[in-house]
Amino acid sequence: MVLSSVLQEEILRALNDLSPEAVTEVRQFVEFLKFKAETVSGGPPVAIGGWLKGYRFTNDEIAQARAEMWARFQDNPA
């Protein structure tokens, strides 16, 4: 997709007003959108089998991971 020069300028101005941390989040979001577009368009699937082979998660580790995930979610509502 080709953006109009006006839209590109608007985006650049908006980025210049953001903190460095927010710009990092924007970059991550753009990467996510690119990934999502690849997935929807039939990009190659990602095989994750074997990554955790031999590792056993305890109930406490799972509970801790869930608590951390929800804490981050609550700190940054959409």
PDB file of N, CA and C in Angstrom:
ATOM      1  N   MET A   1       0.846  -1.180   0.000  1.00  0.00           N
ATOM      2  CA  MET A   1       0.000   0.000   0.000  1.00  0.00           C
ATOM      3  C   MET A   1       0.891   1.243   0.000  1.00  0.00           C
ATOM      4  N   VAL A   2       0.568   2.162  -0.861  1.00  0.00           N
ATOM      5  CA  VAL A   2       1.327   3.404  -0.947  1.00  0.00           C
ATOM      6  C   VAL A   2       0.527   4.499  -0.229  1.00  0.00           C
ATOM      7  N   LEU A   3       1.171   5.164   0.731  1.00  0.00           N
ATOM      8  CA  LEU A   3       0.517   6.242   1.470  1.00  0.00           C
ATOM      9  C   LEU A   3       0.685   7.560   0.735  1.00  0.00           C
ATOM     10  N   SER A   4      -0.334   8.387   0.831  1.00  0.00           N
ATOM     11  CA  SER A   4      -0.200   9.714   0.254  1.00  0.00           C
ATOM     12  C   SER A   4       0.837  10.494   1.055  1.00  0.00           C
ATOM     13  N   SER A   5       1.446  11.469   0.423  1.00  0.00           N
ATOM     14  CA  SER A   5       2.475  12.242   1.118  1.00  0.00           C
ATOM     15  C   SER A   5       1.876  13.024   2.284  1.00  0.00           C
ATOM     16  N   VAL A   6       0.615  13.436   2.176  1.00  0.00           N
ATOM     17  CA  VAL A   6      -0.039  14.159   3.266  1.00  0.00           C
ATOM     18  C   VAL A   6      -0.190  13.240   4.479  1.00  0.00           C
ATOM     19  N   LEU A   7      -0.638  12.029   4.239  1.00  0.00           N
ATOM     20  CA  LEU A   7      -0.802  11.077   5.344  1.00  0.00           C
ATOM     21  C   LEU A   7       0.545  10.746   5.980  1.00  0.00           C
ATOM     22  N   GLN A   8       1.568  10.568   5.159  1.00  0.00           N
ATOM     23  CA  GLN A   8       2.898  10.297   5.695  1.00  0.00           C
ATOM     24  C   GLN A   8       3.369  11.447   6.584  1.00  0.00           C
ATOM     25  N   GLU A   9       3.148  12.658   6.154  1.00  0.00           N
ATOM     26  CA  GLU A   9       3.561  13.819   6.953  1.00  0.00           C
ATOM     27  C   GLU A   9       2.792  13.879   8.267  1.00  0.00           C
ATOM     28  N   GLU A  10       1.496  13.580   8.220  1.00  0.00           N
ATOM     29  CA  GLU A  10       0.691  13.577   9.446  1.00  0.00           C
ATOM     30  C   GLU A  10       1.213  12.541  10.439  1.00  0.00           C
ATOM     31  N   ILE A  11       1.543  11.379   9.930  1.00  0.00           N
ATOM     32  CA  ILE A  11       2.061  10.304  10.797  1.00  0.00           C
ATOM     33  C   ILE A  11       3.401  10.713  11.394  1.00  0.00           C
ATOM     34  N   LEU A  12       4.281  11.274  10.586  1.00  0.00           N
ATOM     35  CA  LEU A  12       5.584  11.703  11.089  1.00  0.00           C
ATOM     36  C   LEU A  12       5.457  12.798  12.138  1.00  0.00           C
ATOM     37  N   ARG A  13       4.549  13.731  11.918  1.00  0.00           N
ATOM     38  CA  ARG A  13       4.324  14.778  12.932  1.00  0.00           C
ATOM     39  C   ARG A  13       3.823  14.166  14.238  1.00  0.00           C
ATOM     40  N   ALA A  14       2.905  13.233  14.131  1.00  0.00           N
ATOM     41  CA  ALA A  14       2.372  12.584  15.324  1.00  0.00           C
ATOM     42  C   ALA A  14       3.475  11.812  16.054  1.00  0.00           C
ATOM     43  N   LEU A  15       4.338  11.134  15.309  1.00  0.00           N
ATOM     44  CA  LEU A  15       5.443  10.389  15.926  1.00  0.00           C
ATOM     45  C   LEU A  15       6.411  11.328  16.636  1.00  0.00           C
ATOM     46  N   ASN A  16       6.655  12.480  16.052  1.00  0.00           N
ATOM     47  CA  ASN A  16       7.579  13.443  16.662  1.00  0.00           C
ATOM     48  C   ASN A  16       7.074  13.971  17.990  1.00  0.00           C
ATOM     49  N   ASP A  17       5.761  13.928  18.201  1.00  0.00           N
ATOM     50  CA  ASP A  17       5.178  14.402  19.455  1.00  0.00           C
ATOM     51  C   ASP A  17       5.210  13.355  20.563  1.00  0.00           C
ATOM     52  N   LEU A  18       5.557  12.125  20.221  1.00  0.00           N
ATOM     53  CA  LEU A  18       5.532  11.027  21.199  1.00  0.00           C
ATOM     54  C   LEU A  18       6.866  10.894  21.932  1.00  0.00           C
ATOM     55  N   SER A  19       6.786  10.290  23.109  1.00  0.00           N
ATOM     56  CA  SER A  19       8.000   9.967  23.857  1.00  0.00           C
ATOM     57  C   SER A  19       8.726   8.818  23.157  1.00  0.00           C
ATOM     58  N   PRO A  20      10.028   8.643  23.444  1.00  0.00           N
ATOM     59  CA  PRO A  20      10.753   7.514  22.835  1.00  0.00           C
ATOM     60  C   PRO A  20      10.109   6.163  23.164  1.00  0.00           C
ATOM     61  N   GLU A  21       9.566   6.030  24.372  1.00  0.00           N
ATOM     62  CA  GLU A  21       8.927   4.776  24.760  1.00  0.00           C
ATOM     63  C   GLU A  21       7.682   4.530  23.911  1.00  0.00           C
ATOM     64  N   ALA A  22       6.918   5.595  23.686  1.00  0.00           N
ATOM     65  CA  ALA A  22       5.701   5.456  22.886  1.00  0.00           C
ATOM     66  C   ALA A  22       6.042   5.133  21.427  1.00  0.00           C
ATOM     67  N   VAL A  23       7.120   5.716  20.916  1.00  0.00           N
ATOM     68  CA  VAL A  23       7.544   5.412  19.548  1.00  0.00           C
ATOM     69  C   VAL A  23       7.924   3.934  19.445  1.00  0.00           C
ATOM     70  N   THR A  24       8.562   3.409  20.475  1.00  0.00           N
ATOM     71  CA  THR A  24       8.899   1.982  20.497  1.00  0.00           C
ATOM     72  C   THR A  24       7.628   1.137  20.447  1.00  0.00           C
ATOM     73  N   GLU A  25       6.618   1.547  21.193  1.00  0.00           N
ATOM     74  CA  GLU A  25       5.343   0.819  21.167  1.00  0.00           C
ATOM     75  C   GLU A  25       4.702   0.878  19.789  1.00  0.00           C
ATOM     76  N   VAL A  26       4.781   2.039  19.141  1.00  0.00           N
ATOM     77  CA  VAL A  26       4.236   2.177  17.789  1.00  0.00           C
ATOM     78  C   VAL A  26       4.959   1.229  16.847  1.00  0.00           C
ATOM     79  N   ARG A  27       6.285   1.186  16.947  1.00  0.00           N
ATOM     80  CA  ARG A  27       7.061   0.278  16.089  1.00  0.00           C
ATOM     81  C   ARG A  27       6.637  -1.165  16.315  1.00  0.00           C
ATOM     82  N   GLN A  28       6.483  -1.556  17.579  1.00  0.00           N
ATOM     83  CA  GLN A  28       6.058  -2.920  17.891  1.00  0.00           C
ATOM     84  C   GLN A  28       4.673  -3.201  17.329  1.00  0.00           C
ATOM     85  N   PHE A  29       3.782  -2.213  17.418  1.00  0.00           N
ATOM     86  CA  PHE A  29       2.442  -2.390  16.888  1.00  0.00           C
ATOM     87  C   PHE A  29       2.471  -2.558  15.367  1.00  0.00           C
ATOM     88  N   VAL A  30       3.306  -1.778  14.702  1.00  0.00           N
ATOM     89  CA  VAL A  30       3.436  -1.906  13.252  1.00  0.00           C
ATOM     90  C   VAL A  30       3.948  -3.293  12.885  1.00  0.00           C
ATOM     91  N   GLU A  31       4.933  -3.783  13.639  1.00  0.00           N
ATOM     92  CA  GLU A  31       5.442  -5.136  13.383  1.00  0.00           C
ATOM     93  C   GLU A  31       4.339  -6.166  13.583  1.00  0.00           C
ATOM     94  N   PHE A  32       3.510  -5.976  14.608  1.00  0.00           N
ATOM     95  CA  PHE A  32       2.387  -6.875  14.844  1.00  0.00           C
ATOM     96  C   PHE A  32       1.420  -6.846  13.661  1.00  0.00           C
ATOM     97  N   LEU A  33       1.103  -5.648  13.165  1.00  0.00           N
ATOM     98  CA  LEU A  33       0.190  -5.536  12.032  1.00  0.00           C
ATOM     99  C   LEU A  33       0.755  -6.237  10.797  1.00  0.00           C
ATOM    100  N   LYS A  34       2.070  -6.088  10.572  1.00  0.00           N
ATOM    101  CA  LYS A  34       2.703  -6.769   9.441  1.00  0.00           C
ATOM    102  C   LYS A  34       2.602  -8.281   9.611  1.00  0.00           C
ATOM    103  N   PHE A  35       2.856  -8.758  10.833  1.00  0.00           N
ATOM    104  CA  PHE A  35       2.757 -10.196  11.118  1.00  0.00           C
ATOM    105  C   PHE A  35       1.336 -10.680  10.888  1.00  0.00           C
ATOM    106  N   LYS A  36       0.365  -9.914  11.388  1.00  0.00           N
ATOM    107  CA  LYS A  36      -1.034 -10.295  11.250  1.00  0.00           C
ATOM    108  C   LYS A  36      -1.428 -10.359   9.779  1.00  0.00           C
ATOM    109  N   ALA A  37      -0.967  -9.407   8.991  1.00  0.00           N
ATOM    110  CA  ALA A  37      -1.271  -9.395   7.564  1.00  0.00           C
ATOM    111  C   ALA A  37      -0.670 -10.612   6.871  1.00  0.00           C
ATOM    112  N   GLU A  38       0.533 -10.993   7.262  1.00  0.00           N
ATOM    113  CA  GLU A  38       1.168 -12.186   6.688  1.00  0.00           C
ATOM    114  C   GLU A  38       0.370 -13.423   7.036  1.00  0.00           C
ATOM    115  N   THR A  39      -0.080 -13.514   8.283  1.00  0.00           N
ATOM    116  CA  THR A  39      -0.823 -14.684   8.744  1.00  0.00           C
ATOM    117  C   THR A  39      -2.148 -14.791   8.003  1.00  0.00           C
ATOM    118  N   VAL A  40      -2.839 -13.677   7.865  1.00  0.00           N
ATOM    119  CA  VAL A  40      -4.135 -13.669   7.184  1.00  0.00           C
ATOM    120  C   VAL A  40      -3.964 -13.982   5.710  1.00  0.00           C
ATOM    121  N   SER A  41      -2.885 -13.498   5.118  1.00  0.00           N
ATOM    122  CA  SER A  41      -2.686 -13.701   3.688  1.00  0.00           C
ATOM    123  C   SER A  41      -2.104 -15.070   3.371  1.00  0.00           C
ATOM    124  N   GLY A  42      -2.019 -15.924   4.356  1.00  0.00           N
ATOM    125  CA  GLY A  42      -1.540 -17.271   4.091  1.00  0.00           C
ATOM    126  C   GLY A  42      -0.043 -17.416   4.157  1.00  0.00           C
ATOM    127  N   GLY A  43       0.618 -16.573   4.947  1.00  0.00           N
ATOM    128  CA  GLY A  43       2.063 -16.708   5.132  1.00  0.00           C
ATOM    129  C   GLY A  43       2.380 -18.056   5.761  1.00  0.00           C
ATOM    130  N   PRO A  44       3.618 -18.429   5.747  1.00  0.00           N
ATOM    131  CA  PRO A  44       3.980 -19.736   6.287  1.00  0.00           C
ATOM    132  C   PRO A  44       3.677 -19.819   7.788  1.00  0.00           C
ATOM    133  N   PRO A  45       3.136 -20.947   8.219  1.00  0.00           N
ATOM    134  CA  PRO A  45       2.860 -21.097   9.650  1.00  0.00           C
ATOM    135  C   PRO A  45       4.157 -21.188  10.446  1.00  0.00           C
ATOM    136  N   VAL A  46       4.078 -20.815  11.692  1.00  0.00           N
ATOM    137  CA  VAL A  46       5.239 -20.871  12.562  1.00  0.00           C
ATOM    138  C   VAL A  46       5.143 -22.144  13.381  1.00  0.00           C
ATOM    139  N   ALA A  47       6.151 -22.982  13.281  1.00  0.00           N
ATOM    140  CA  ALA A  47       6.171 -24.226  14.038  1.00  0.00           C
ATOM    141  C   ALA A  47       6.864 -23.995  15.372  1.00  0.00           C
ATOM    142  N   ILE A  48       6.156 -24.232  16.452  1.00  0.00           N
ATOM    143  CA  ILE A  48       6.772 -24.036  17.764  1.00  0.00           C
ATOM    144  C   ILE A  48       6.980 -25.353  18.498  1.00  0.00           C
ATOM    145  N   GLY A  49       6.605 -26.436  17.875  1.00  0.00           N
ATOM    146  CA  GLY A  49       6.780 -27.733  18.512  1.00  0.00           C
ATOM    147  C   GLY A  49       8.239 -27.986  18.844  1.00  0.00           C
ATOM    148  N   GLY A  50       8.485 -28.502  20.026  1.00  0.00           N
ATOM    149  CA  GLY A  50       9.829 -28.840  20.442  1.00  0.00           C
ATOM    150  C   GLY A  50      10.541 -27.749  21.213  1.00  0.00           C
ATOM    151  N   TRP A  51      10.041 -26.524  21.198  1.00  0.00           N
ATOM    152  CA  TRP A  51      10.706 -25.430  21.907  1.00  0.00           C
ATOM    153  C   TRP A  51      10.778 -25.695  23.399  1.00  0.00           C
ATOM    154  N   LEU A  52       9.738 -26.269  23.935  1.00  0.00           N
ATOM    155  CA  LEU A  52       9.682 -26.496  25.381  1.00  0.00           C
ATOM    156  C   LEU A  52       9.760 -27.978  25.725  1.00  0.00           C
ATOM    157  N   LYS A  53      10.254 -28.746  24.793  1.00  0.00           N
ATOM    158  CA  LYS A  53      10.345 -30.181  25.010  1.00  0.00           C
ATOM    159  C   LYS A  53      11.170 -30.480  26.257  1.00  0.00           C
ATOM    160  N   GLY A  54      10.606 -31.311  27.113  1.00  0.00           N
ATOM    161  CA  GLY A  54      11.302 -31.712  28.318  1.00  0.00           C
ATOM    162  C   GLY A  54      11.109 -30.776  29.498  1.00  0.00           C
ATOM    163  N   TYR A  55      10.456 -29.644  29.276  1.00  0.00           N
ATOM    164  CA  TYR A  55      10.242 -28.701  30.370  1.00  0.00           C
ATOM    165  C   TYR A  55       8.845 -28.879  30.916  1.00  0.00           C
ATOM    166  N   ARG A  56       8.733 -28.926  32.225  1.00  0.00           N
ATOM    167  CA  ARG A  56       7.429 -29.084  32.863  1.00  0.00           C
ATOM    168  C   ARG A  56       7.141 -27.845  33.694  1.00  0.00           C
ATOM    169  N   PHE A  57       6.016 -27.222  33.427  1.00  0.00           N
ATOM    170  CA  PHE A  57       5.603 -26.055  34.185  1.00  0.00           C
ATOM    171  C   PHE A  57       4.851 -26.485  35.428  1.00  0.00           C
ATOM    172  N   THR A  58       5.216 -25.898  36.553  1.00  0.00           N
ATOM    173  CA  THR A  58       4.485 -26.177  37.786  1.00  0.00           C
ATOM    174  C   THR A  58       3.247 -25.282  37.824  1.00  0.00           C
ATOM    175  N   ASN A  59       2.289 -25.666  38.659  1.00  0.00           N
ATOM    176  CA  ASN A  59       1.087 -24.845  38.819  1.00  0.00           C
ATOM    177  C   ASN A  59       1.448 -23.450  39.321  1.00  0.00           C
ATOM    178  N   ASP A  60       2.443 -23.365  40.192  1.00  0.00           N
ATOM    179  CA  ASP A  60       2.874 -22.057  40.708  1.00  0.00           C
ATOM    180  C   ASP A  60       3.462 -21.188  39.599  1.00  0.00           C
ATOM    181  N   GLU A  61       4.255 -21.772  38.712  1.00  0.00           N
ATOM    182  CA  GLU A  61       4.836 -21.008  37.601  1.00  0.00           C
ATOM    183  C   GLU A  61       3.745 -20.498  36.661  1.00  0.00           C
ATOM    184  N   ILE A  62       2.760 -21.330  36.400  1.00  0.00           N
ATOM    185  CA  ILE A  62       1.653 -20.919  35.535  1.00  0.00           C
ATOM    186  C   ILE A  62       0.859 -19.796  36.200  1.00  0.00           C
ATOM    187  N   ALA A  63       0.575 -19.939  37.496  1.00  0.00           N
ATOM    188  CA  ALA A  63      -0.164 -18.908  38.224  1.00  0.00           C
ATOM    189  C   ALA A  63       0.601 -17.594  38.237  1.00  0.00           C
ATOM    190  N   GLN A  64       1.916 -17.660  38.421  1.00  0.00           N
ATOM    191  CA  GLN A  64       2.739 -16.451  38.437  1.00  0.00           C
ATOM    192  C   GLN A  64       2.730 -15.778  37.061  1.00  0.00           C
ATOM    193  N   ALA A  65       2.847 -16.556  36.004  1.00  0.00           N
ATOM    194  CA  ALA A  65       2.829 -15.993  34.655  1.00  0.00           C
ATOM    195  C   ALA A  65       1.484 -15.327  34.370  1.00  0.00           C
ATOM    196  N   ARG A  66       0.401 -15.970  34.790  1.00  0.00           N
ATOM    197  CA  ARG A  66      -0.922 -15.375  34.595  1.00  0.00           C
ATOM    198  C   ARG A  66      -1.045 -14.071  35.367  1.00  0.00           C
ATOM    199  N   ALA A  67      -0.575 -14.061  36.604  1.00  0.00           N
ATOM    200  CA  ALA A  67      -0.654 -12.849  37.427  1.00  0.00           C
ATOM    201  C   ALA A  67       0.138 -11.712  36.786  1.00  0.00           C
ATOM    202  N   GLU A  68       1.326 -12.006  36.270  1.00  0.00           N
ATOM    203  CA  GLU A  68       2.140 -10.980  35.608  1.00  0.00           C
ATOM    204  C   GLU A  68       1.454 -10.458  34.354  1.00  0.00           C
ATOM    205  N   MET A  69       0.862 -11.376  33.579  1.00  0.00           N
ATOM    206  CA  MET A  69       0.179 -10.978  32.353  1.00  0.00           C
ATOM    207  C   MET A  69      -0.993 -10.058  32.680  1.00  0.00           C
ATOM    208  N   TRP A  70      -1.807 -10.433  33.638  1.00  0.00           N
ATOM    209  CA  TRP A  70      -2.974  -9.615  33.978  1.00  0.00           C
ATOM    210  C   TRP A  70      -2.566  -8.293  34.615  1.00  0.00           C
ATOM    211  N   ALA A  71      -1.492  -8.288  35.354  1.00  0.00           N
ATOM    212  CA  ALA A  71      -1.025  -7.025  35.959  1.00  0.00           C
ATOM    213  C   ALA A  71      -0.626  -6.051  34.856  1.00  0.00           C
ATOM    214  N   ARG A  72       0.067  -6.522  33.829  1.00  0.00           N
ATOM    215  CA  ARG A  72       0.463  -5.658  32.714  1.00  0.00           C
ATOM    216  C   ARG A  72      -0.756  -5.183  31.947  1.00  0.00           C
ATOM    217  N   PHE A  73      -1.734  -6.067  31.784  1.00  0.00           N
ATOM    218  CA  PHE A  73      -2.943  -5.722  31.061  1.00  0.00           C
ATOM    219  C   PHE A  73      -3.712  -4.633  31.807  1.00  0.00           C
ATOM    220  N   GLN A  74      -3.792  -4.748  33.112  1.00  0.00           N
ATOM    221  CA  GLN A  74      -4.520  -3.773  33.914  1.00  0.00           C
ATOM    222  C   GLN A  74      -3.795  -2.440  33.962  1.00  0.00           C
ATOM    223  N   ASP A  75      -2.460  -2.463  33.882  1.00  0.00           N
ATOM    224  CA  ASP A  75      -1.684  -1.221  33.897  1.00  0.00           C
ATOM    225  C   ASP A  75      -1.810  -0.462  32.579  1.00  0.00           C
ATOM    226  N   ASN A  76      -2.092  -1.177  31.488  1.00  0.00           N
ATOM    227  CA  ASN A  76      -2.149  -0.563  30.156  1.00  0.00           C
ATOM    228  C   ASN A  76      -3.468  -0.895  29.472  1.00  0.00           C
ATOM    229  N   PRO A  77      -4.584  -0.374  29.983  1.00  0.00           N
ATOM    230  CA  PRO A  77      -5.862  -0.700  29.330  1.00  0.00           C
ATOM    231  C   PRO A  77      -5.926  -0.090  27.935  1.00  0.00           C
ATOM    232  N   ALA A  78      -6.647  -0.774  27.081  1.00  0.00           N
ATOM    233  CA  ALA A  78      -6.764  -0.308  25.688  1.00  0.00           C
ATOM    234  C   ALA A  78      -7.648   0.893  25.558  1.00  0.00           C
TER     235      ALA A  78
END
